[in-house]
Amino acid sequence: MASMQKRLQKELLALQKDPPPGVRVDEASVTKSLSTWQVDMDGAPGTLFEGEKFQLLFKFGPRYPFDSPQVVFTGPNIPVHPHVYSNGHICLSILTEDWSPALSVQSVCLSIISMLSSCKEKKRPPDNNFYVRTCSKNPKKTKWWYHDDSV
C-alpha cells in the first residue's frame, strides 16, 4: 500500500507540474488516500470536441500500478463518441487488457485526448442502450470487444 501511495503522489506531482494540454487535476477532489481523483479535460483545439469541457474520474485500487485504474467520464458532459458510452464508460484497451505498470495518469489522459481528437463523427457506440442497461457500475468488469481501431 505504501508503494502505491508513493507512486500516486509522484504521478499527482507530475500531472500538476507538467499536465498534457487542456488537462487539470482538481486538487480538491483528490482523496486523502489518493485513491480517487477528478481530472478536468478540454476538448482539443481543431477537433469535434473543441471548446467542450469534460471530467474524468480515476479510482485506484490497492494493486495499482500493477492493475489499471478505473476511469470513467463523469459530470454533466459525457462526450458523444463511438467508444464512450452515455454512462461515461470508455472502451479503450489500455484501461483493461493492454494496461502496463509503465503507464500513468498522464499517459491515460493523453490516450483519451487522442481517442477523442481522432473522432470523425459524434455518435454513441451502436450497443449503447443495451450496454448501459446491463453493465456493471465498474467498467473494468466489462469484457470489451475492440472491433474498431479507426477512432
N, C-alpha and C. Protein backbone atom coordinates (compact mmCIF):
# COMPACT_ATOMS: atom_id res chain seq x y z
N MET A 1 0.83 -1.21 0.00
CA MET A 1 0.00 0.00 0.00
C MET A 1 0.87 1.26 0.00
N ALA A 2 1.96 1.23 0.75
CA ALA A 2 2.83 2.40 0.82
C ALA A 2 3.45 2.72 -0.54
N SER A 3 3.80 1.66 -1.31
CA SER A 3 4.39 1.91 -2.63
C SER A 3 3.35 2.50 -3.58
N MET A 4 2.07 2.06 -3.44
CA MET A 4 1.01 2.64 -4.25
C MET A 4 0.88 4.13 -3.93
N GLN A 5 0.88 4.47 -2.64
CA GLN A 5 0.77 5.87 -2.22
C GLN A 5 1.91 6.71 -2.80
N LYS A 6 3.11 6.16 -2.71
CA LYS A 6 4.29 6.86 -3.20
C LYS A 6 4.18 7.10 -4.71
N ARG A 7 3.78 6.06 -5.42
CA ARG A 7 3.62 6.16 -6.88
C ARG A 7 2.57 7.22 -7.23
N LEU A 8 1.42 7.19 -6.53
CA LEU A 8 0.35 8.15 -6.82
C LEU A 8 0.76 9.57 -6.47
N GLN A 9 1.51 9.76 -5.39
CA GLN A 9 2.00 11.10 -5.04
C GLN A 9 2.91 11.63 -6.15
N LYS A 10 3.77 10.76 -6.65
CA LYS A 10 4.69 11.12 -7.73
C LYS A 10 3.91 11.48 -9.00
N GLU A 11 2.89 10.68 -9.32
CA GLU A 11 2.08 10.94 -10.52
C GLU A 11 1.27 12.23 -10.37
N LEU A 12 0.74 12.47 -9.18
CA LEU A 12 -0.03 13.68 -8.95
C LEU A 12 0.86 14.91 -9.14
N LEU A 13 2.06 14.87 -8.58
CA LEU A 13 3.01 15.96 -8.72
C LEU A 13 3.35 16.18 -10.19
N ALA A 14 3.60 15.11 -10.92
CA ALA A 14 3.93 15.21 -12.35
C ALA A 14 2.77 15.83 -13.13
N LEU A 15 1.56 15.42 -12.81
CA LEU A 15 0.38 15.94 -13.51
C LEU A 15 0.16 17.42 -13.19
N GLN A 16 0.48 17.83 -11.96
CA GLN A 16 0.34 19.23 -11.59
C GLN A 16 1.42 20.09 -12.25
N LYS A 17 2.63 19.56 -12.33
CA LYS A 17 3.75 20.33 -12.87
C LYS A 17 3.77 20.35 -14.39
N ASP A 18 3.41 19.25 -15.03
CA ASP A 18 3.54 19.14 -16.48
C ASP A 18 2.34 18.39 -17.07
N PRO A 19 1.15 18.99 -16.98
CA PRO A 19 -0.03 18.28 -17.48
C PRO A 19 -0.08 18.29 -19.01
N PRO A 20 -0.71 17.27 -19.60
CA PRO A 20 -0.97 17.34 -21.04
C PRO A 20 -1.82 18.59 -21.33
N PRO A 21 -1.73 19.15 -22.53
CA PRO A 21 -2.52 20.35 -22.86
C PRO A 21 -4.01 20.14 -22.58
N GLY A 22 -4.62 21.11 -21.88
CA GLY A 22 -6.05 21.05 -21.61
C GLY A 22 -6.45 20.13 -20.47
N VAL A 23 -5.47 19.62 -19.72
CA VAL A 23 -5.77 18.70 -18.62
C VAL A 23 -5.37 19.33 -17.29
N ARG A 24 -6.28 19.25 -16.30
CA ARG A 24 -6.01 19.76 -14.95
C ARG A 24 -6.57 18.78 -13.95
N VAL A 25 -5.79 18.51 -12.92
CA VAL A 25 -6.31 17.68 -11.84
C VAL A 25 -7.03 18.62 -10.87
N ASP A 26 -8.23 18.25 -10.47
CA ASP A 26 -8.98 19.03 -9.49
C ASP A 26 -8.45 18.63 -8.12
N GLU A 27 -7.55 19.46 -7.58
CA GLU A 27 -6.86 19.09 -6.35
C GLU A 27 -7.81 18.87 -5.18
N ALA A 28 -8.93 19.58 -5.17
CA ALA A 28 -9.90 19.41 -4.09
C ALA A 28 -10.55 18.03 -4.15
N SER A 29 -10.51 17.39 -5.32
CA SER A 29 -11.17 16.08 -5.48
C SER A 29 -10.29 14.91 -5.07
N VAL A 30 -9.00 15.16 -4.92
CA VAL A 30 -8.07 14.07 -4.59
C VAL A 30 -8.30 13.66 -3.14
N THR A 31 -8.68 12.41 -2.95
CA THR A 31 -8.97 11.94 -1.60
C THR A 31 -7.67 11.79 -0.80
N LYS A 32 -7.81 11.83 0.52
CA LYS A 32 -6.65 11.69 1.41
C LYS A 32 -5.82 10.45 1.08
N SER A 33 -6.49 9.37 0.77
CA SER A 33 -5.79 8.13 0.46
C SER A 33 -5.22 8.12 -0.96
N LEU A 34 -5.47 9.19 -1.70
CA LEU A 34 -5.07 9.33 -3.11
C LEU A 34 -5.76 8.32 -4.02
N SER A 35 -6.79 7.64 -3.54
CA SER A 35 -7.41 6.58 -4.34
C SER A 35 -8.44 7.09 -5.34
N THR A 36 -8.84 8.35 -5.25
CA THR A 36 -9.83 8.92 -6.19
C THR A 36 -9.37 10.31 -6.62
N TRP A 37 -9.37 10.53 -7.92
CA TRP A 37 -9.02 11.85 -8.48
C TRP A 37 -10.07 12.24 -9.51
N GLN A 38 -10.33 13.54 -9.59
CA GLN A 38 -11.13 14.07 -10.69
C GLN A 38 -10.18 14.87 -11.57
N VAL A 39 -10.21 14.59 -12.85
CA VAL A 39 -9.35 15.28 -13.80
C VAL A 39 -10.24 16.02 -14.80
N ASP A 40 -10.00 17.31 -14.95
CA ASP A 40 -10.76 18.12 -15.91
C ASP A 40 -10.00 18.13 -17.23
N MET A 41 -10.75 18.01 -18.32
CA MET A 41 -10.13 17.90 -19.64
C MET A 41 -10.89 18.76 -20.63
N ASP A 42 -10.15 19.52 -21.44
CA ASP A 42 -10.75 20.32 -22.51
C ASP A 42 -10.67 19.55 -23.81
N GLY A 43 -11.71 19.68 -24.64
CA GLY A 43 -11.63 19.12 -25.99
C GLY A 43 -10.51 19.83 -26.74
N ALA A 44 -9.71 19.09 -27.48
CA ALA A 44 -8.55 19.67 -28.16
C ALA A 44 -8.96 20.63 -29.27
N PRO A 45 -8.22 21.74 -29.41
CA PRO A 45 -8.49 22.70 -30.49
C PRO A 45 -8.42 22.01 -31.85
N GLY A 46 -9.30 22.40 -32.75
CA GLY A 46 -9.28 21.85 -34.10
C GLY A 46 -9.93 20.48 -34.23
N THR A 47 -10.61 20.01 -33.16
CA THR A 47 -11.29 18.71 -33.22
C THR A 47 -12.80 18.92 -33.05
N LEU A 48 -13.56 17.84 -33.19
CA LEU A 48 -15.01 17.91 -32.99
C LEU A 48 -15.37 18.34 -31.56
N PHE A 49 -14.44 18.18 -30.62
CA PHE A 49 -14.73 18.46 -29.22
C PHE A 49 -14.14 19.79 -28.74
N GLU A 50 -13.63 20.59 -29.68
CA GLU A 50 -13.06 21.89 -29.32
C GLU A 50 -14.08 22.72 -28.54
N GLY A 51 -13.62 23.34 -27.45
CA GLY A 51 -14.50 24.20 -26.65
C GLY A 51 -15.32 23.45 -25.62
N GLU A 52 -15.34 22.12 -25.69
CA GLU A 52 -16.10 21.34 -24.71
C GLU A 52 -15.22 21.01 -23.51
N LYS A 53 -15.85 20.86 -22.36
CA LYS A 53 -15.13 20.52 -21.13
C LYS A 53 -15.68 19.21 -20.58
N PHE A 54 -14.75 18.35 -20.14
CA PHE A 54 -15.12 17.04 -19.63
C PHE A 54 -14.47 16.79 -18.27
N GLN A 55 -15.02 15.83 -17.55
CA GLN A 55 -14.42 15.41 -16.29
C GLN A 55 -14.21 13.90 -16.34
N LEU A 56 -13.03 13.49 -15.91
CA LEU A 56 -12.71 12.08 -15.77
C LEU A 56 -12.59 11.75 -14.30
N LEU A 57 -13.10 10.61 -13.91
CA LEU A 57 -12.95 10.15 -12.53
C LEU A 57 -12.01 8.95 -12.56
N PHE A 58 -10.91 9.07 -11.84
CA PHE A 58 -9.93 7.98 -11.71
C PHE A 58 -10.10 7.37 -10.33
N LYS A 59 -10.24 6.04 -10.27
CA LYS A 59 -10.25 5.32 -9.00
C LYS A 59 -9.13 4.30 -9.04
N PHE A 60 -8.26 4.37 -8.05
CA PHE A 60 -7.10 3.49 -8.00
C PHE A 60 -7.32 2.42 -6.94
N GLY A 61 -7.18 1.16 -7.35
CA GLY A 61 -7.33 0.06 -6.42
C GLY A 61 -6.01 -0.23 -5.71
N PRO A 62 -6.03 -1.12 -4.74
CA PRO A 62 -4.83 -1.41 -3.94
C PRO A 62 -3.70 -2.06 -4.74
N ARG A 63 -4.01 -2.59 -5.92
CA ARG A 63 -2.96 -3.23 -6.74
C ARG A 63 -2.34 -2.27 -7.77
N TYR A 64 -2.77 -1.02 -7.77
CA TYR A 64 -2.18 -0.04 -8.69
C TYR A 64 -0.70 0.12 -8.35
N PRO A 65 0.21 0.17 -9.29
CA PRO A 65 0.08 0.29 -10.73
C PRO A 65 0.06 -1.04 -11.49
N PHE A 66 0.02 -2.15 -10.76
CA PHE A 66 0.01 -3.45 -11.45
C PHE A 66 -1.37 -3.77 -12.02
N ASP A 67 -2.37 -3.07 -11.53
CA ASP A 67 -3.73 -3.19 -12.03
C ASP A 67 -4.16 -1.79 -12.49
N SER A 68 -4.84 -1.70 -13.60
CA SER A 68 -5.23 -0.40 -14.15
C SER A 68 -6.21 0.32 -13.23
N PRO A 69 -6.21 1.66 -13.30
CA PRO A 69 -7.24 2.40 -12.56
C PRO A 69 -8.59 2.24 -13.25
N GLN A 70 -9.64 2.49 -12.51
CA GLN A 70 -10.99 2.56 -13.11
C GLN A 70 -11.13 4.01 -13.58
N VAL A 71 -11.41 4.22 -14.84
CA VAL A 71 -11.51 5.57 -15.40
C VAL A 71 -12.83 5.71 -16.15
N VAL A 72 -13.61 6.72 -15.78
CA VAL A 72 -14.88 6.98 -16.46
C VAL A 72 -15.06 8.49 -16.63
N PHE A 73 -15.81 8.85 -17.66
CA PHE A 73 -16.25 10.24 -17.77
C PHE A 73 -17.38 10.43 -16.76
N THR A 74 -17.39 11.58 -16.12
CA THR A 74 -18.42 11.86 -15.13
C THR A 74 -18.91 13.30 -15.33
N GLY A 75 -19.87 13.70 -14.57
CA GLY A 75 -20.36 15.08 -14.67
C GLY A 75 -21.41 15.23 -15.75
N PRO A 76 -21.76 16.48 -16.03
CA PRO A 76 -22.88 16.74 -16.93
C PRO A 76 -22.55 16.54 -18.41
N ASN A 77 -21.27 16.53 -18.78
CA ASN A 77 -20.92 16.48 -20.19
C ASN A 77 -20.10 15.23 -20.51
N ILE A 78 -20.77 14.19 -20.96
CA ILE A 78 -20.11 12.96 -21.40
C ILE A 78 -19.92 13.08 -22.91
N PRO A 79 -18.68 12.95 -23.41
CA PRO A 79 -18.51 13.13 -24.86
C PRO A 79 -19.31 12.11 -25.67
N VAL A 80 -19.87 12.59 -26.78
CA VAL A 80 -20.58 11.70 -27.71
C VAL A 80 -19.54 11.18 -28.67
N HIS A 81 -19.16 9.92 -28.49
CA HIS A 81 -18.04 9.32 -29.21
C HIS A 81 -18.31 7.83 -29.38
N PRO A 82 -17.88 7.23 -30.49
CA PRO A 82 -18.15 5.80 -30.72
C PRO A 82 -17.55 4.85 -29.66
N HIS A 83 -16.62 5.34 -28.83
CA HIS A 83 -16.03 4.50 -27.80
C HIS A 83 -16.35 4.97 -26.38
N VAL A 84 -17.33 5.87 -26.27
CA VAL A 84 -17.73 6.37 -24.95
C VAL A 84 -19.23 6.14 -24.79
N TYR A 85 -19.59 5.37 -23.79
CA TYR A 85 -20.99 5.09 -23.53
C TYR A 85 -21.63 6.25 -22.77
N SER A 86 -22.92 6.37 -22.86
CA SER A 86 -23.62 7.51 -22.25
C SER A 86 -23.52 7.52 -20.72
N ASN A 87 -23.11 6.38 -20.12
CA ASN A 87 -22.89 6.36 -18.67
C ASN A 87 -21.45 6.73 -18.31
N GLY A 88 -20.64 7.09 -19.31
CA GLY A 88 -19.27 7.54 -19.07
C GLY A 88 -18.22 6.45 -19.21
N HIS A 89 -18.63 5.20 -19.41
CA HIS A 89 -17.65 4.12 -19.57
C HIS A 89 -16.90 4.31 -20.89
N ILE A 90 -15.61 4.01 -20.87
CA ILE A 90 -14.73 4.23 -22.02
C ILE A 90 -14.20 2.89 -22.50
N CYS A 91 -14.39 2.61 -23.77
CA CYS A 91 -13.86 1.39 -24.38
C CYS A 91 -12.48 1.72 -24.95
N LEU A 92 -11.45 1.49 -24.13
CA LEU A 92 -10.07 1.80 -24.51
C LEU A 92 -9.19 0.71 -23.93
N SER A 93 -8.46 0.01 -24.79
CA SER A 93 -7.76 -1.21 -24.37
C SER A 93 -6.73 -0.98 -23.26
N ILE A 94 -6.10 0.21 -23.20
CA ILE A 94 -5.10 0.41 -22.14
C ILE A 94 -5.74 0.49 -20.75
N LEU A 95 -7.06 0.63 -20.70
CA LEU A 95 -7.73 0.66 -19.39
C LEU A 95 -8.04 -0.74 -18.88
N THR A 96 -7.82 -1.74 -19.72
CA THR A 96 -8.08 -3.12 -19.29
C THR A 96 -6.93 -4.01 -19.72
N GLU A 97 -7.13 -4.79 -20.79
CA GLU A 97 -6.16 -5.84 -21.12
C GLU A 97 -4.80 -5.33 -21.58
N ASP A 98 -4.70 -4.13 -22.12
CA ASP A 98 -3.41 -3.61 -22.57
C ASP A 98 -2.75 -2.69 -21.53
N TRP A 99 -3.25 -2.70 -20.31
CA TRP A 99 -2.65 -1.91 -19.24
C TRP A 99 -1.23 -2.41 -18.95
N SER A 100 -0.35 -1.48 -18.63
CA SER A 100 1.01 -1.81 -18.22
C SER A 100 1.37 -0.90 -17.04
N PRO A 101 2.10 -1.41 -16.05
CA PRO A 101 2.54 -0.55 -14.94
C PRO A 101 3.40 0.63 -15.40
N ALA A 102 3.91 0.56 -16.63
CA ALA A 102 4.69 1.68 -17.16
C ALA A 102 3.79 2.87 -17.53
N LEU A 103 2.51 2.62 -17.68
CA LEU A 103 1.56 3.70 -18.00
C LEU A 103 1.28 4.52 -16.74
N SER A 104 0.75 5.73 -16.94
CA SER A 104 0.48 6.63 -15.82
C SER A 104 -0.82 7.38 -16.08
N VAL A 105 -1.22 8.18 -15.11
CA VAL A 105 -2.40 9.02 -15.30
C VAL A 105 -2.18 9.94 -16.50
N GLN A 106 -0.99 10.48 -16.62
CA GLN A 106 -0.68 11.35 -17.77
C GLN A 106 -0.87 10.61 -19.09
N SER A 107 -0.34 9.40 -19.18
CA SER A 107 -0.44 8.68 -20.45
C SER A 107 -1.88 8.26 -20.74
N VAL A 108 -2.65 7.95 -19.69
CA VAL A 108 -4.08 7.63 -19.89
C VAL A 108 -4.80 8.87 -20.41
N CYS A 109 -4.53 10.03 -19.82
CA CYS A 109 -5.17 11.27 -20.28
C CYS A 109 -4.80 11.56 -21.74
N LEU A 110 -3.53 11.39 -22.08
CA LEU A 110 -3.10 11.61 -23.47
C LEU A 110 -3.80 10.65 -24.43
N SER A 111 -3.96 9.40 -24.02
CA SER A 111 -4.64 8.42 -24.87
C SER A 111 -6.11 8.79 -25.08
N ILE A 112 -6.75 9.28 -24.02
CA ILE A 112 -8.15 9.67 -24.13
C ILE A 112 -8.30 10.92 -25.01
N ILE A 113 -7.40 11.88 -24.85
CA ILE A 113 -7.41 13.07 -25.71
C ILE A 113 -7.22 12.65 -27.17
N SER A 114 -6.27 11.76 -27.40
CA SER A 114 -6.00 11.28 -28.75
C SER A 114 -7.23 10.56 -29.33
N MET A 115 -7.85 9.71 -28.52
CA MET A 115 -9.05 8.99 -28.95
C MET A 115 -10.15 9.98 -29.35
N LEU A 116 -10.38 10.99 -28.50
CA LEU A 116 -11.41 11.99 -28.80
C LEU A 116 -11.03 12.79 -30.05
N SER A 117 -9.77 13.15 -30.15
CA SER A 117 -9.31 14.02 -31.24
C SER A 117 -9.41 13.35 -32.61
N SER A 118 -9.29 12.03 -32.65
CA SER A 118 -9.33 11.34 -33.94
C SER A 118 -10.76 11.03 -34.39
N CYS A 119 -11.74 11.41 -33.59
CA CYS A 119 -13.14 11.13 -33.90
C CYS A 119 -13.60 11.90 -35.15
N LYS A 120 -14.25 11.19 -36.05
CA LYS A 120 -14.74 11.82 -37.30
C LYS A 120 -16.23 12.18 -37.24
N GLU A 121 -16.96 11.51 -36.34
CA GLU A 121 -18.40 11.74 -36.26
C GLU A 121 -18.86 11.51 -34.83
N LYS A 122 -19.60 12.48 -34.29
CA LYS A 122 -20.10 12.33 -32.93
C LYS A 122 -21.29 11.38 -32.93
N LYS A 123 -21.07 10.20 -32.40
CA LYS A 123 -22.17 9.25 -32.25
C LYS A 123 -21.81 8.30 -31.13
N ARG A 124 -22.83 7.71 -30.53
CA ARG A 124 -22.64 6.74 -29.45
C ARG A 124 -22.29 5.37 -30.04
N PRO A 125 -21.69 4.49 -29.21
CA PRO A 125 -21.47 3.12 -29.69
C PRO A 125 -22.80 2.49 -30.09
N PRO A 126 -22.79 1.60 -31.09
CA PRO A 126 -24.04 1.02 -31.58
C PRO A 126 -24.83 0.27 -30.51
N ASP A 127 -24.14 -0.29 -29.51
CA ASP A 127 -24.83 -1.05 -28.46
C ASP A 127 -25.02 -0.25 -27.17
N ASN A 128 -24.97 1.08 -27.27
CA ASN A 128 -25.02 1.95 -26.09
C ASN A 128 -26.20 1.64 -25.16
N ASN A 129 -27.41 1.61 -25.69
CA ASN A 129 -28.58 1.44 -24.82
C ASN A 129 -28.56 0.11 -24.08
N PHE A 130 -28.24 -0.96 -24.80
CA PHE A 130 -28.18 -2.28 -24.18
C PHE A 130 -27.07 -2.32 -23.12
N TYR A 131 -25.89 -1.81 -23.48
CA TYR A 131 -24.75 -1.83 -22.56
C TYR A 131 -25.08 -1.07 -21.27
N VAL A 132 -25.58 0.14 -21.42
CA VAL A 132 -25.86 0.98 -20.25
C VAL A 132 -26.90 0.31 -19.33
N ARG A 133 -27.87 -0.38 -19.94
CA ARG A 133 -28.90 -1.07 -19.16
C ARG A 133 -28.35 -2.28 -18.40
N THR A 134 -27.34 -2.94 -18.96
CA THR A 134 -26.94 -4.24 -18.43
C THR A 134 -25.54 -4.28 -17.80
N CYS A 135 -24.76 -3.22 -17.90
CA CYS A 135 -23.37 -3.29 -17.45
C CYS A 135 -23.23 -3.16 -15.94
N SER A 136 -22.05 -3.53 -15.46
CA SER A 136 -21.68 -3.33 -14.07
C SER A 136 -21.36 -1.84 -13.88
N LYS A 137 -21.41 -1.36 -12.65
CA LYS A 137 -21.01 0.02 -12.37
C LYS A 137 -19.52 0.21 -12.65
N ASN A 138 -18.76 -0.86 -12.52
CA ASN A 138 -17.32 -0.81 -12.73
C ASN A 138 -17.00 -1.24 -14.16
N PRO A 139 -16.51 -0.32 -15.01
CA PRO A 139 -16.25 -0.69 -16.41
C PRO A 139 -15.17 -1.76 -16.55
N LYS A 140 -14.34 -1.93 -15.53
CA LYS A 140 -13.29 -2.95 -15.61
C LYS A 140 -13.87 -4.36 -15.57
N LYS A 141 -15.13 -4.48 -15.16
CA LYS A 141 -15.78 -5.79 -15.14
C LYS A 141 -16.38 -6.15 -16.51
N THR A 142 -16.31 -5.22 -17.45
CA THR A 142 -16.81 -5.46 -18.80
C THR A 142 -15.77 -6.22 -19.59
N LYS A 143 -16.21 -7.20 -20.35
CA LYS A 143 -15.31 -7.88 -21.28
C LYS A 143 -15.46 -7.15 -22.61
N TRP A 144 -14.57 -6.20 -22.86
CA TRP A 144 -14.66 -5.37 -24.06
C TRP A 144 -14.27 -6.18 -25.29
N TRP A 145 -14.88 -5.83 -26.37
CA TRP A 145 -14.53 -6.41 -27.66
C TRP A 145 -14.09 -5.25 -28.54
N TYR A 146 -12.79 -5.13 -28.77
CA TYR A 146 -12.25 -4.00 -29.52
C TYR A 146 -12.34 -4.31 -31.00
N HIS A 147 -13.28 -3.66 -31.68
CA HIS A 147 -13.52 -4.01 -33.06
C HIS A 147 -13.30 -2.86 -34.03
N ASP A 148 -12.90 -1.71 -33.53
CA ASP A 148 -12.74 -0.57 -34.41
C ASP A 148 -11.53 0.24 -33.99
N ASP A 149 -10.46 0.17 -34.75
CA ASP A 149 -9.24 0.90 -34.41
C ASP A 149 -9.18 2.25 -35.13
N SER A 150 -10.21 2.61 -35.85
CA SER A 150 -10.13 3.82 -36.69
C SER A 150 -10.48 5.09 -35.95
N VAL A 151 -11.01 4.99 -34.72
CA VAL A 151 -11.34 6.20 -33.98
C VAL A 151 -10.66 6.21 -32.63
